[in-house]
Structure formats: structure tokens, C-alpha cells
Amino acid sequence: MLGVTVLACAVVISRRVDAFTNAQFYAEDGSKWFANAYTYGPLGALDLSYNGYFQLISRLGPVVAAPFGLRTAPLVYNVVGLLVQVAPVAYLLSSRFDTVVPSFKARLALCAVYLLMPSTELNVDITTAQFHLLVLAFLVIVAAEPKRWYWKTFDVAVVVLCGLSGPFAYILLPVAALWFVMRRRAFTLALCFALVVTIPIQVYADLTSPRLHEPLGASLHTLLMIISDRIIWAGLFAEEGGAHALLTGTSHGALLSAVICLLALPIVVFAAWRAPLELKMFGLTAVGVAASGLVAPLVSNAGNAWDIMAVTRAGERYFFLAQVAWVITVVWAASRLPRPWLRRTALAVCAATLCSGLITAWRYQAFQDYHWAQEARAITTAKIGTKLVLPIPPGGGWAIDITVR
């Protein structure tokens, strides 16, 4: 398990080596989490809400980075993001899943799909680490009931941290409640209670720091193209939506997207009927994330959000889990085919399509170098009270606006 976890770290690092050799802040990593921690102190910024939510996991990055100085802050943030990203791999391979998924090879395959599915937006930064934390929290809910105190402490801590790191308690609480109804495990009630406790805090955050709302431009044909291009095709070909395999913008794109969705529907129905309960619950969680991203996305300051998501890679974080759930469902359905030659053929086709995307899109584009070492030196050498506006970090957002303390 330790060896695979180290390998998982190597895989994640290899896709964007510069995140560790020349670390930069990504989006809100610098403009919000670093800037707030610098202004109010790392601990003083923990209770700040942003854009409608408490995002505790992102606020903890500056706390970990504080002892290492300003210059190493982006690197520490990325290391924290890396650890959160690979944590589901280590947890799934632990003894907690020996009875849930007895086959270690099957668990390795699940880890591979999760780890290899491309998503530049979710790679190592702490701004989007909450989505990987959601995967870990889901695994905590469906894992074997813990017997030892340290596993119980860990499980509750993960669920609380996830509930305080975005809107995920609204998604996980129904899943956990349904899991209790189906499995009747006492500890699941404790996890439900932990999620319930975090919801009023997130409601308070929404009231004190309202979330921005964009015009959706919602329509049925746009929804079909998003499902087709951002989930079905993107998952099967292991690429970010709109990279190569896409129907948006082609002749009769909406019609072809509808056909693709109809062809996928029998697999979804079959899985809802016959798949293991854990897979059904993961699919439900993924649908919840994708639906919330469609209802209240943040992808652009101008234009209709659905149109933007249909023709660009914006909002990758909303569809990542759906892509993973779809691929796992397809592989599971292929393994249920009645004839050995059918199973082998279907699994070989799945492997070929996944490899085609991994080969063409393995390395992510390097972050823009805005010379953080020089900026950190400018902060440390400036007079107290000097107002500094540093360059906009990679990933867009706002410039790092601070007053030297």
C-alpha cells in the first residue's frame, strides 16, 4: 500500500513537475488564502468565509506553510494539495476496504481510474483540494465500520473537514443517511450527525458572504452536449472536456449528443439495478456534484455559464467525479457481460480509449512563472504599511493585494 501511495504521488507530480520545481500560487491560492492569511494571520483567517462557503481545507494550507516562510508558501500549498489528492488512494487500499472490495486488484483499478483521469484544474492546488477531500469523505462513509478509536477519530475528522470545506455536506448527508438505511451501521449515524453540525455553519457563511450567481443560459440541448462532451466522451477518452472527442460545434451536435446520452442510458439503468451499493452511492455523489455545478456554477464573469461549459474546459471540477463514476460503471458493466470474449473485447476497447487520452494529454501545461521568489523578497524588504499589488496568479482570479505588515 505504501509503495502504491508513493507511486501515486509520483504520477501526480509527473503531470505538472513545475508545480514542485518552480511552485506558483494557483488562482485563489494566492489572491485569497495567502492574502487573507498574511493580513489576518494563518489562524485568524480560518473562520473567514468566501463566496458563500467556509473552505477550511484551503485555509489550512497557509497554517501548514507559516513556519516555512513566504518564499516556500506556494510549494507547501502544492504539497498539501498533493497529499489530499492521493489520500483516497491510500485509504481505499487500506484494511478498511478488505471486506468492502475484497479484490486488491479491483481496488488498484479503481485507484487508477481516479488518479489517471485528467483534470488540470484539480491538480495539487489547495483551491480545489476540497473535491479530492470529498472523495475521501465518501470512502469514509462506505468503508467497513471502524473498530479502533484512531480510525473513528480519523473518519469523523475527515467528514467534518469536508463539511466545512464547501457545500459538500448538502450532498454527502443524503448519501450517508441512505447508507444507514441500507446498512444499519451505528457509526454511520455519528457521521450523519457530524455532517448535520457543519450545515448551519455553511448556511451562516452563505448569509455573511453571498455566492456570486451567473446567468445560466440553461437549455435542454446545451445540457445534452455538456453531459455528452464533459462526462461521457471525456471520461471514456480520459481527457478534459472539449479537448479532442467532442460534439459541440459540429453539424447536428445536439442530435448526436442526444443519441450518445440515449446509448449510455441502458448502462446507467443496469448499474442502478445490479451494481454494488457502493458504486451506486458513488454515482449518486457524482451526480450531486455535477448537478450543483450546473445549478450554481462559477466559470466566467461574462456570458451564459452553460454555453461556456459546453464549448470550453471551464468548470472541470464539477464534472470530474461524474467522469470517474461513468468510467467505473462502464468497466463494471463490461465485466458483467455473459460471454468471456465479449468481456475481453469490451474491456480492451475501454483500455484503448482511456490510453488514447492519457498518451495525448499526460503532461499539463506549466504554470505561468510570475517569479514568486522576487515577489516574496519585495514583501519582506518593503516598509511596513506599503501597499503591494502582485501579478495575477495562474488560473486567473484576482491579483494578490496586500499591505506589508
Foldseek 3Di string as FASTA:
>chain_A
DVVVLVVLLVLLCVQAVCCQVVNFAAFCLFQPLVLQCQFLNLVRCQLAFAQLARANQSSCLCVVCVVVAQLCSRNSQLVSLSCLQSVLLVLLQDPQCCPVDVDSVVSVVLSCLSSQQDDPVSRRGSLLSLLSLLSVLLCLLPTHDDDDPVSLVVNLVSLLNSLRRDPLLVQVLVLLVVSCVVPVDPSSVVSNVSSVVSVVSSNVSCVVHPHDADAAPDDDLLVLQLCQQQAVLSLLQSHQGQPPDGLPPPVCSSVVSVVVVVVLVVLVVVCVVDNPPSLVSLLSSLVVLLVVCSVGNDFDPDDHPSVCSSNDRTPSSSRSSSSSSSLVSQLVVLCPDDDPVSSVVSVVSSVVSHVNNCVVNSHDDHWDNQPSVVVSVCLVPDDAQQWDFGDAGHNGHGTRTHGRD
